[in-house]
Amino acid sequence: MRRPAPRRIGSALEAWTRDRAPQTVLARAQAAWPIAVGAAIAAETEPVAERAGTLTVACRSAVWAAELELLGPELIERLNAVLGASGMGALTALRVRFAGRR
């Protein structure tokens, strides 16, 4: 009997962490955030809470907070597209807060 080839540790760990990650809307949004908003915005912001379809995002600066306020509807649309969410499971609003340096 032949033994299977060893798996790469990265793919094994990815599957292990994916299976154990919390299946909440916030956890899914946090994982999808960099993909939905891009590297520049993701480097300056972080989803920190979700309640009743409203995603709260902390920003490193007041300038980023103001920018996200303007981009809110577009970002929610892009995030829902990445998440594959629609109808009852979709995010509906973005709440932004200035959290200072992380």
PDB file of N, CA and C in Angstrom:
ATOM      1  N   MET A   1       0.844  -1.164   0.000  1.00  0.00           N
ATOM      2  CA  MET A   1       0.000   0.000   0.000  1.00  0.00           C
ATOM      3  C   MET A   1       0.900   1.240   0.000  1.00  0.00           C
ATOM      4  N   ARG A   2       0.565   2.171  -0.834  1.00  0.00           N
ATOM      5  CA  ARG A   2       1.361   3.382  -0.973  1.00  0.00           C
ATOM      6  C   ARG A   2       0.792   4.488  -0.084  1.00  0.00           C
ATOM      7  N   ARG A   3       1.672   5.220   0.581  1.00  0.00           N
ATOM      8  CA  ARG A   3       1.253   6.307   1.459  1.00  0.00           C
ATOM      9  C   ARG A   3       0.991   7.561   0.641  1.00  0.00           C
ATOM     10  N   PRO A   4      -0.007   8.355   1.025  1.00  0.00           N
ATOM     11  CA  PRO A   4      -0.255   9.605   0.300  1.00  0.00           C
ATOM     12  C   PRO A   4       0.883  10.596   0.558  1.00  0.00           C
ATOM     13  N   ALA A   5       1.082  11.471  -0.401  1.00  0.00           N
ATOM     14  CA  ALA A   5       2.125  12.493  -0.261  1.00  0.00           C
ATOM     15  C   ALA A   5       1.755  13.440   0.880  1.00  0.00           C
ATOM     16  N   PRO A   6       2.753  13.976   1.558  1.00  0.00           N
ATOM     17  CA  PRO A   6       2.447  14.923   2.629  1.00  0.00           C
ATOM     18  C   PRO A   6       1.781  16.184   2.093  1.00  0.00           C
ATOM     19  N   ARG A   7       0.884  16.740   2.911  1.00  0.00           N
ATOM     20  CA  ARG A   7       0.218  17.979   2.517  1.00  0.00           C
ATOM     21  C   ARG A   7       1.046  19.158   2.992  1.00  0.00           C
ATOM     22  N   ARG A   8       0.905  20.266   2.294  1.00  0.00           N
ATOM     23  CA  ARG A   8       1.567  21.495   2.728  1.00  0.00           C
ATOM     24  C   ARG A   8       0.917  21.963   4.030  1.00  0.00           C
ATOM     25  N   ILE A   9       1.739  22.443   4.943  1.00  0.00           N
ATOM     26  CA  ILE A   9       1.235  22.866   6.249  1.00  0.00           C
ATOM     27  C   ILE A   9       0.259  24.026   6.114  1.00  0.00           C
ATOM     28  N   GLY A  10       0.494  24.935   5.167  1.00  0.00           N
ATOM     29  CA  GLY A  10      -0.386  26.088   4.981  1.00  0.00           C
ATOM     30  C   GLY A  10      -1.805  25.681   4.644  1.00  0.00           C
ATOM     31  N   SER A  11      -1.963  24.734   3.725  1.00  0.00           N
ATOM     32  CA  SER A  11      -3.315  24.310   3.360  1.00  0.00           C
ATOM     33  C   SER A  11      -3.980  23.527   4.480  1.00  0.00           C
ATOM     34  N   ALA A  12      -3.204  22.755   5.221  1.00  0.00           N
ATOM     35  CA  ALA A  12      -3.766  22.011   6.351  1.00  0.00           C
ATOM     36  C   ALA A  12      -4.221  22.975   7.442  1.00  0.00           C
ATOM     37  N   LEU A  13      -3.414  23.990   7.751  1.00  0.00           N
ATOM     38  CA  LEU A  13      -3.792  24.968   8.776  1.00  0.00           C
ATOM     39  C   LEU A  13      -4.975  25.821   8.339  1.00  0.00           C
ATOM     40  N   GLU A  14      -5.017  26.170   7.056  1.00  0.00           N
ATOM     41  CA  GLU A  14      -6.147  26.964   6.551  1.00  0.00           C
ATOM     42  C   GLU A  14      -7.459  26.210   6.743  1.00  0.00           C
ATOM     43  N   ALA A  15      -7.476  24.941   6.381  1.00  0.00           N
ATOM     44  CA  ALA A  15      -8.686  24.134   6.550  1.00  0.00           C
ATOM     45  C   ALA A  15      -9.038  23.986   8.028  1.00  0.00           C
ATOM     46  N   TRP A  16      -8.043  23.792   8.865  1.00  0.00           N
ATOM     47  CA  TRP A  16      -8.275  23.628  10.301  1.00  0.00           C
ATOM     48  C   TRP A  16      -8.859  24.895  10.908  1.00  0.00           C
ATOM     49  N   THR A  17      -8.287  26.068  10.584  1.00  0.00           N
ATOM     50  CA  THR A  17      -8.798  27.319  11.148  1.00  0.00           C
ATOM     51  C   THR A  17     -10.165  27.676  10.576  1.00  0.00           C
ATOM     52  N   ARG A  18     -10.391  27.402   9.302  1.00  0.00           N
ATOM     53  CA  ARG A  18     -11.696  27.685   8.697  1.00  0.00           C
ATOM     54  C   ARG A  18     -12.792  26.886   9.387  1.00  0.00           C
ATOM     55  N   ASP A  19     -12.507  25.636   9.715  1.00  0.00           N
ATOM     56  CA  ASP A  19     -13.498  24.784  10.378  1.00  0.00           C
ATOM     57  C   ASP A  19     -13.786  25.222  11.806  1.00  0.00           C
ATOM     58  N   ARG A  20     -12.837  25.904  12.439  1.00  0.00           N
ATOM     59  CA  ARG A  20     -13.002  26.302  13.831  1.00  0.00           C
ATOM     60  C   ARG A  20     -13.361  27.776  14.018  1.00  0.00           C
ATOM     61  N   ALA A  21     -13.355  28.545  12.963  1.00  0.00           N
ATOM     62  CA  ALA A  21     -13.683  29.969  13.060  1.00  0.00           C
ATOM     63  C   ALA A  21     -15.161  30.131  13.407  1.00  0.00           C
ATOM     64  N   PRO A  22     -15.481  31.136  14.212  1.00  0.00           N
ATOM     65  CA  PRO A  22     -16.891  31.357  14.538  1.00  0.00           C
ATOM     66  C   PRO A  22     -17.693  31.684  13.279  1.00  0.00           C
ATOM     67  N   GLN A  23     -18.866  31.182  13.195  1.00  0.00           N
ATOM     68  CA  GLN A  23     -19.718  31.381  12.024  1.00  0.00           C
ATOM     69  C   GLN A  23     -20.702  32.521  12.261  1.00  0.00           C
ATOM     70  N   THR A  24     -20.209  33.652  12.714  1.00  0.00           N
ATOM     71  CA  THR A  24     -21.046  34.817  12.938  1.00  0.00           C
ATOM     72  C   THR A  24     -20.927  35.762  11.748  1.00  0.00           C
ATOM     73  N   VAL A  25     -21.855  36.675  11.643  1.00  0.00           N
ATOM     74  CA  VAL A  25     -21.800  37.670  10.571  1.00  0.00           C
ATOM     75  C   VAL A  25     -20.533  38.507  10.714  1.00  0.00           C
ATOM     76  N   LEU A  26     -20.180  38.879  11.950  1.00  0.00           N
ATOM     77  CA  LEU A  26     -18.975  39.679  12.163  1.00  0.00           C
ATOM     78  C   LEU A  26     -17.726  38.924  11.731  1.00  0.00           C
ATOM     79  N   ALA A  27     -17.603  37.675  12.095  1.00  0.00           N
ATOM     80  CA  ALA A  27     -16.423  36.885  11.716  1.00  0.00           C
ATOM     81  C   ALA A  27     -16.314  36.768  10.200  1.00  0.00           C
ATOM     82  N   ARG A  28     -17.432  36.546   9.541  1.00  0.00           N
ATOM     83  CA  ARG A  28     -17.418  36.450   8.080  1.00  0.00           C
ATOM     84  C   ARG A  28     -17.056  37.790   7.462  1.00  0.00           C
ATOM     85  N   ALA A  29     -17.587  38.887   8.015  1.00  0.00           N
ATOM     86  CA  ALA A  29     -17.277  40.221   7.496  1.00  0.00           C
ATOM     87  C   ALA A  29     -15.808  40.559   7.707  1.00  0.00           C
ATOM     88  N   GLN A  30     -15.250  40.197   8.859  1.00  0.00           N
ATOM     89  CA  GLN A  30     -13.841  40.457   9.124  1.00  0.00           C
ATOM     90  C   GLN A  30     -12.946  39.706   8.141  1.00  0.00           C
ATOM     91  N   ALA A  31     -13.311  38.479   7.825  1.00  0.00           N
ATOM     92  CA  ALA A  31     -12.513  37.697   6.880  1.00  0.00           C
ATOM     93  C   ALA A  31     -12.616  38.258   5.462  1.00  0.00           C
ATOM     94  N   ALA A  32     -13.783  38.760   5.087  1.00  0.00           N
ATOM     95  CA  ALA A  32     -14.003  39.257   3.730  1.00  0.00           C
ATOM     96  C   ALA A  32     -13.607  40.720   3.550  1.00  0.00           C
ATOM     97  N   TRP A  33     -13.423  41.456   4.638  1.00  0.00           N
ATOM     98  CA  TRP A  33     -13.168  42.897   4.586  1.00  0.00           C
ATOM     99  C   TRP A  33     -12.027  43.284   3.643  1.00  0.00           C
ATOM    100  N   PRO A  34     -10.820  42.706   3.765  1.00  0.00           N
ATOM    101  CA  PRO A  34      -9.731  43.117   2.869  1.00  0.00           C
ATOM    102  C   PRO A  34     -10.037  42.859   1.388  1.00  0.00           C
ATOM    103  N   ILE A  35     -10.751  41.801   1.113  1.00  0.00           N
ATOM    104  CA  ILE A  35     -11.103  41.477  -0.279  1.00  0.00           C
ATOM    105  C   ILE A  35     -12.113  42.487  -0.808  1.00  0.00           C
ATOM    106  N   ALA A  36     -13.096  42.829   0.017  1.00  0.00           N
ATOM    107  CA  ALA A  36     -14.176  43.719  -0.419  1.00  0.00           C
ATOM    108  C   ALA A  36     -13.739  45.166  -0.551  1.00  0.00           C
ATOM    109  N   VAL A  37     -12.888  45.643   0.364  1.00  0.00           N
ATOM    110  CA  VAL A  37     -12.558  47.066   0.378  1.00  0.00           C
ATOM    111  C   VAL A  37     -11.191  47.398  -0.205  1.00  0.00           C
ATOM    112  N   GLY A  38     -10.338  46.419  -0.336  1.00  0.00           N
ATOM    113  CA  GLY A  38      -8.999  46.659  -0.868  1.00  0.00           C
ATOM    114  C   GLY A  38      -7.979  46.842   0.245  1.00  0.00           C
ATOM    115  N   ALA A  39      -6.714  46.712  -0.123  1.00  0.00           N
ATOM    116  CA  ALA A  39      -5.626  46.734   0.848  1.00  0.00           C
ATOM    117  C   ALA A  39      -5.473  48.082   1.542  1.00  0.00           C
ATOM    118  N   ALA A  40      -5.645  49.181   0.810  1.00  0.00           N
ATOM    119  CA  ALA A  40      -5.441  50.512   1.395  1.00  0.00           C
ATOM    120  C   ALA A  40      -6.442  50.791   2.506  1.00  0.00           C
ATOM    121  N   ILE A  41      -7.711  50.524   2.253  1.00  0.00           N
ATOM    122  CA  ILE A  41      -8.741  50.759   3.270  1.00  0.00           C
ATOM    123  C   ILE A  41      -8.599  49.753   4.408  1.00  0.00           C
ATOM    124  N   ALA A  42      -8.334  48.500   4.082  1.00  0.00           N
ATOM    125  CA  ALA A  42      -8.205  47.469   5.112  1.00  0.00           C
ATOM    126  C   ALA A  42      -7.044  47.752   6.066  1.00  0.00           C
ATOM    127  N   ALA A  43      -5.994  48.387   5.578  1.00  0.00           N
ATOM    128  CA  ALA A  43      -4.846  48.714   6.431  1.00  0.00           C
ATOM    129  C   ALA A  43      -5.186  49.790   7.459  1.00  0.00           C
ATOM    130  N   GLU A  44      -6.186  50.595   7.191  1.00  0.00           N
ATOM    131  CA  GLU A  44      -6.549  51.717   8.062  1.00  0.00           C
ATOM    132  C   GLU A  44      -7.812  51.488   8.868  1.00  0.00           C
ATOM    133  N   THR A  45      -8.500  50.396   8.618  1.00  0.00           N
ATOM    134  CA  THR A  45      -9.806  50.160   9.236  1.00  0.00           C
ATOM    135  C   THR A  45      -9.935  48.721   9.703  1.00  0.00           C
ATOM    136  N   GLU A  46     -10.938  48.477  10.555  1.00  0.00           N
ATOM    137  CA  GLU A  46     -11.185  47.125  11.043  1.00  0.00           C
ATOM    138  C   GLU A  46     -12.647  46.984  11.471  1.00  0.00           C
ATOM    139  N   PRO A  47     -13.359  45.987  10.932  1.00  0.00           N
ATOM    140  CA  PRO A  47     -14.719  45.724  11.432  1.00  0.00           C
ATOM    141  C   PRO A  47     -14.635  45.226  12.874  1.00  0.00           C
ATOM    142  N   VAL A  48     -15.399  45.859  13.770  1.00  0.00           N
ATOM    143  CA  VAL A  48     -15.295  45.513  15.189  1.00  0.00           C
ATOM    144  C   VAL A  48     -16.598  45.010  15.805  1.00  0.00           C
ATOM    145  N   ALA A  49     -17.724  45.250  15.153  1.00  0.00           N
ATOM    146  CA  ALA A  49     -19.001  44.813  15.718  1.00  0.00           C
ATOM    147  C   ALA A  49     -20.045  44.721  14.609  1.00  0.00           C
ATOM    148  N   GLU A  50     -21.070  43.924  14.885  1.00  0.00           N
ATOM    149  CA  GLU A  50     -22.219  43.824  13.970  1.00  0.00           C
ATOM    150  C   GLU A  50     -23.451  43.631  14.828  1.00  0.00           C
ATOM    151  N   ARG A  51     -24.481  44.390  14.499  1.00  0.00           N
ATOM    152  CA  ARG A  51     -25.744  44.241  15.212  1.00  0.00           C
ATOM    153  C   ARG A  51     -26.877  44.571  14.260  1.00  0.00           C
ATOM    154  N   ALA A  52     -27.790  43.643  14.117  1.00  0.00           N
ATOM    155  CA  ALA A  52     -29.001  43.825  13.310  1.00  0.00           C
ATOM    156  C   ALA A  52     -28.686  44.336  11.902  1.00  0.00           C
ATOM    157  N   GLY A  53     -27.623  43.806  11.303  1.00  0.00           N
ATOM    158  CA  GLY A  53     -27.287  44.168   9.922  1.00  0.00           C
ATOM    159  C   GLY A  53     -26.414  45.398   9.773  1.00  0.00           C
ATOM    160  N   THR A  54     -26.086  46.053  10.877  1.00  0.00           N
ATOM    161  CA  THR A  54     -25.222  47.227  10.824  1.00  0.00           C
ATOM    162  C   THR A  54     -23.816  46.827  11.253  1.00  0.00           C
ATOM    163  N   LEU A  55     -22.858  47.040  10.372  1.00  0.00           N
ATOM    164  CA  LEU A  55     -21.464  46.714  10.631  1.00  0.00           C
ATOM    165  C   LEU A  55     -20.757  47.960  11.143  1.00  0.00           C
ATOM    166  N   THR A  56     -20.119  47.852  12.304  1.00  0.00           N
ATOM    167  CA  THR A  56     -19.349  48.958  12.870  1.00  0.00           C
ATOM    168  C   THR A  56     -17.883  48.760  12.524  1.00  0.00           C
ATOM    169  N   VAL A  57     -17.272  49.828  11.998  1.00  0.00           N
ATOM    170  CA  VAL A  57     -15.885  49.773  11.565  1.00  0.00           C
ATOM    171  C   VAL A  57     -15.095  50.838  12.316  1.00  0.00           C
ATOM    172  N   ALA A  58     -13.965  50.444  12.900  1.00  0.00           N
ATOM    173  CA  ALA A  58     -13.071  51.377  13.583  1.00  0.00           C
ATOM    174  C   ALA A  58     -12.013  51.852  12.586  1.00  0.00           C
ATOM    175  N   CYS A  59     -11.730  53.148  12.626  1.00  0.00           N
ATOM    176  CA  CYS A  59     -10.753  53.755  11.718  1.00  0.00           C
ATOM    177  C   CYS A  59      -9.599  54.347  12.511  1.00  0.00           C
ATOM    178  N   ARG A  60      -8.405  54.328  11.913  1.00  0.00           N
ATOM    179  CA  ARG A  60      -7.220  54.865  12.565  1.00  0.00           C
ATOM    180  C   ARG A  60      -7.198  56.380  12.617  1.00  0.00           C
ATOM    181  N   SER A  61      -7.913  57.022  11.722  1.00  0.00           N
ATOM    182  CA  SER A  61      -7.900  58.489  11.698  1.00  0.00           C
ATOM    183  C   SER A  61      -9.297  59.022  11.390  1.00  0.00           C
ATOM    184  N   ALA A  62      -9.508  60.264  11.777  1.00  0.00           N
ATOM    185  CA  ALA A  62     -10.791  60.905  11.502  1.00  0.00           C
ATOM    186  C   ALA A  62     -11.003  61.084  10.002  1.00  0.00           C
ATOM    187  N   VAL A  63      -9.926  61.267   9.262  1.00  0.00           N
ATOM    188  CA  VAL A  63     -10.028  61.408   7.808  1.00  0.00           C
ATOM    189  C   VAL A  63     -10.569  60.124   7.192  1.00  0.00           C
ATOM    190  N   TRP A  64     -10.041  58.977   7.639  1.00  0.00           N
ATOM    191  CA  TRP A  64     -10.553  57.705   7.131  1.00  0.00           C
ATOM    192  C   TRP A  64     -12.001  57.490   7.558  1.00  0.00           C
ATOM    193  N   ALA A  65     -12.342  57.898   8.752  1.00  0.00           N
ATOM    194  CA  ALA A  65     -13.727  57.759   9.212  1.00  0.00           C
ATOM    195  C   ALA A  65     -14.668  58.553   8.315  1.00  0.00           C
ATOM    196  N   ALA A  66     -14.277  59.782   7.979  1.00  0.00           N
ATOM    197  CA  ALA A  66     -15.109  60.612   7.096  1.00  0.00           C
ATOM    198  C   ALA A  66     -15.216  59.990   5.710  1.00  0.00           C
ATOM    199  N   GLU A  67     -14.115  59.457   5.205  1.00  0.00           N
ATOM    200  CA  GLU A  67     -14.117  58.820   3.882  1.00  0.00           C
ATOM    201  C   GLU A  67     -15.031  57.601   3.860  1.00  0.00           C
ATOM    202  N   LEU A  68     -14.960  56.786   4.903  1.00  0.00           N
ATOM    203  CA  LEU A  68     -15.820  55.602   4.964  1.00  0.00           C
ATOM    204  C   LEU A  68     -17.289  55.961   5.104  1.00  0.00           C
ATOM    205  N   GLU A  69     -17.586  57.055   5.782  1.00  0.00           N
ATOM    206  CA  GLU A  69     -18.977  57.518   5.868  1.00  0.00           C
ATOM    207  C   GLU A  69     -19.526  57.763   4.456  1.00  0.00           C
ATOM    208  N   LEU A  70     -18.706  58.383   3.614  1.00  0.00           N
ATOM    209  CA  LEU A  70     -19.134  58.667   2.240  1.00  0.00           C
ATOM    210  C   LEU A  70     -19.233  57.400   1.397  1.00  0.00           C
ATOM    211  N   LEU A  71     -18.313  56.464   1.618  1.00  0.00           N
ATOM    212  CA  LEU A  71     -18.275  55.232   0.831  1.00  0.00           C
ATOM    213  C   LEU A  71     -19.164  54.130   1.394  1.00  0.00           C
ATOM    214  N   GLY A  72     -19.807  54.369   2.528  1.00  0.00           N
ATOM    215  CA  GLY A  72     -20.575  53.343   3.229  1.00  0.00           C
ATOM    216  C   GLY A  72     -21.488  52.487   2.371  1.00  0.00           C
ATOM    217  N   PRO A  73     -22.412  53.076   1.617  1.00  0.00           N
ATOM    218  CA  PRO A  73     -23.319  52.243   0.815  1.00  0.00           C
ATOM    219  C   PRO A  73     -22.590  51.369  -0.214  1.00  0.00           C
ATOM    220  N   GLU A  74     -21.569  51.933  -0.849  1.00  0.00           N
ATOM    221  CA  GLU A  74     -20.801  51.164  -1.837  1.00  0.00           C
ATOM    222  C   GLU A  74     -20.037  50.020  -1.164  1.00  0.00           C
ATOM    223  N   LEU A  75     -19.435  50.284  -0.011  1.00  0.00           N
ATOM    224  CA  LEU A  75     -18.680  49.245   0.692  1.00  0.00           C
ATOM    225  C   LEU A  75     -19.584  48.125   1.178  1.00  0.00           C
ATOM    226  N   ILE A  76     -20.770  48.468   1.667  1.00  0.00           N
ATOM    227  CA  ILE A  76     -21.719  47.441   2.104  1.00  0.00           C
ATOM    228  C   ILE A  76     -22.139  46.573   0.917  1.00  0.00           C
ATOM    229  N   GLU A  77     -22.368  47.202  -0.215  1.00  0.00           N
ATOM    230  CA  GLU A  77     -22.737  46.450  -1.417  1.00  0.00           C
ATOM    231  C   GLU A  77     -21.616  45.490  -1.823  1.00  0.00           C
ATOM    232  N   ARG A  78     -20.378  45.979  -1.822  1.00  0.00           N
ATOM    233  CA  ARG A  78     -19.238  45.136  -2.197  1.00  0.00           C
ATOM    234  C   ARG A  78     -19.022  44.015  -1.186  1.00  0.00           C
ATOM    235  N   LEU A  79     -19.184  44.325   0.093  1.00  0.00           N
ATOM    236  CA  LEU A  79     -19.010  43.311   1.134  1.00  0.00           C
ATOM    237  C   LEU A  79     -20.073  42.222   1.014  1.00  0.00           C
ATOM    238  N   ASN A  80     -21.319  42.611   0.788  1.00  0.00           N
ATOM    239  CA  ASN A  80     -22.387  41.617   0.595  1.00  0.00           C
ATOM    240  C   ASN A  80     -22.115  40.751  -0.628  1.00  0.00           C
ATOM    241  N   ALA A  81     -21.554  41.345  -1.683  1.00  0.00           N
ATOM    242  CA  ALA A  81     -21.224  40.567  -2.882  1.00  0.00           C
ATOM    243  C   ALA A  81     -20.151  39.527  -2.578  1.00  0.00           C
ATOM    244  N   VAL A  82     -19.123  39.906  -1.834  1.00  0.00           N
ATOM    245  CA  VAL A  82     -18.058  38.964  -1.466  1.00  0.00           C
ATOM    246  C   VAL A  82     -18.606  37.879  -0.555  1.00  0.00           C
ATOM    247  N   LEU A  83     -19.476  38.262   0.376  1.00  0.00           N
ATOM    248  CA  LEU A  83     -20.057  37.298   1.305  1.00  0.00           C
ATOM    249  C   LEU A  83     -21.127  36.422   0.663  1.00  0.00           C
ATOM    250  N   GLY A  84     -21.634  36.853  -0.480  1.00  0.00           N
ATOM    251  CA  GLY A  84     -22.730  36.122  -1.106  1.00  0.00           C
ATOM    252  C   GLY A  84     -24.018  36.287  -0.326  1.00  0.00           C
ATOM    253  N   ALA A  85     -24.132  37.393   0.388  1.00  0.00           N
ATOM    254  CA  ALA A  85     -25.307  37.631   1.240  1.00  0.00           C
ATOM    255  C   ALA A  85     -26.343  38.450   0.494  1.00  0.00           C
ATOM    256  N   SER A  86     -27.585  38.099   0.718  1.00  0.00           N
ATOM    257  CA  SER A  86     -28.692  38.869   0.158  1.00  0.00           C
ATOM    258  C   SER A  86     -29.918  38.653   1.031  1.00  0.00           C
ATOM    259  N   GLY A  87     -30.855  39.553   0.921  1.00  0.00           N
ATOM    260  CA  GLY A  87     -32.098  39.424   1.683  1.00  0.00           C
ATOM    261  C   GLY A  87     -31.870  39.542   3.175  1.00  0.00           C
ATOM    262  N   MET A  88     -32.398  38.595   3.947  1.00  0.00           N
ATOM    263  CA  MET A  88     -32.351  38.645   5.406  1.00  0.00           C
ATOM    264  C   MET A  88     -30.925  38.560   5.960  1.00  0.00           C
ATOM    265  N   GLY A  89     -30.001  37.874   5.299  1.00  0.00           N
ATOM    266  CA  GLY A  89     -28.647  37.700   5.824  1.00  0.00           C
ATOM    267  C   GLY A  89     -27.678  38.787   5.426  1.00  0.00           C
ATOM    268  N   ALA A  90     -28.146  39.784   4.689  1.00  0.00           N
ATOM    269  CA  ALA A  90     -27.246  40.812   4.174  1.00  0.00           C
ATOM    270  C   ALA A  90     -27.016  41.925   5.194  1.00  0.00           C
ATOM    271  N   LEU A  91     -25.823  42.522   5.107  1.00  0.00           N
ATOM    272  CA  LEU A  91     -25.543  43.720   5.894  1.00  0.00           C
ATOM    273  C   LEU A  91     -26.301  44.875   5.257  1.00  0.00           C
ATOM    274  N   THR A  92     -26.803  45.786   6.079  1.00  0.00           N
ATOM    275  CA  THR A  92     -27.633  46.866   5.551  1.00  0.00           C
ATOM    276  C   THR A  92     -27.029  48.252   5.732  1.00  0.00           C
ATOM    277  N   ALA A  93     -26.119  48.415   6.700  1.00  0.00           N
ATOM    278  CA  ALA A  93     -25.569  49.739   6.964  1.00  0.00           C
ATOM    279  C   ALA A  93     -24.159  49.629   7.514  1.00  0.00           C
ATOM    280  N   LEU A  94     -23.435  50.731   7.369  1.00  0.00           N
ATOM    281  CA  LEU A  94     -22.075  50.826   7.888  1.00  0.00           C
ATOM    282  C   LEU A  94     -22.034  51.956   8.904  1.00  0.00           C
ATOM    283  N   ARG A  95     -21.567  51.656  10.091  1.00  0.00           N
ATOM    284  CA  ARG A  95     -21.389  52.656  11.142  1.00  0.00           C
ATOM    285  C   ARG A  95     -19.884  52.807  11.322  1.00  0.00           C
ATOM    286  N   VAL A  96     -19.407  54.028  11.330  1.00  0.00           N
ATOM    287  CA  VAL A  96     -17.971  54.283  11.381  1.00  0.00           C
ATOM    288  C   VAL A  96     -17.632  55.020  12.665  1.00  0.00           C
ATOM    289  N   ARG A  97     -16.521  54.634  13.270  1.00  0.00           N
ATOM    290  CA  ARG A  97     -16.054  55.340  14.457  1.00  0.00           C
ATOM    291  C   ARG A  97     -14.541  55.537  14.367  1.00  0.00           C
ATOM    292  N   PHE A  98     -14.084  56.627  14.922  1.00  0.00           N
ATOM    293  CA  PHE A  98     -12.668  56.933  14.979  1.00  0.00           C
ATOM    294  C   PHE A  98     -12.110  56.277  16.231  1.00  0.00           C
ATOM    295  N   ALA A  99     -11.135  55.386  16.047  1.00  0.00           N
ATOM    296  CA  ALA A  99     -10.599  54.648  17.176  1.00  0.00           C
ATOM    297  C   ALA A  99      -9.152  55.021  17.495  1.00  0.00           C
ATOM    298  N   GLY A 100      -8.568  55.880  16.728  1.00  0.00           N
ATOM    299  CA  GLY A 100      -7.169  56.242  16.969  1.00  0.00           C
ATOM    300  C   GLY A 100      -6.236  55.194  16.421  1.00  0.00           C
ATOM    301  N   ARG A 101      -4.991  55.285  16.761  1.00  0.00           N
ATOM    302  CA  ARG A 101      -3.973  54.336  16.257  1.00  0.00           C
ATOM    303  C   ARG A 101      -4.178  52.958  16.849  1.00  0.00           C
ATOM    304  N   ARG A 102      -3.988  51.940  15.990  1.00  0.00           N
ATOM    305  CA  ARG A 102      -4.094  50.542  16.417  1.00  0.00           C
ATOM    306  C   ARG A 102      -2.713  50.006  16.675  1.00  0.00           C
TER     307      ARG A 102
END
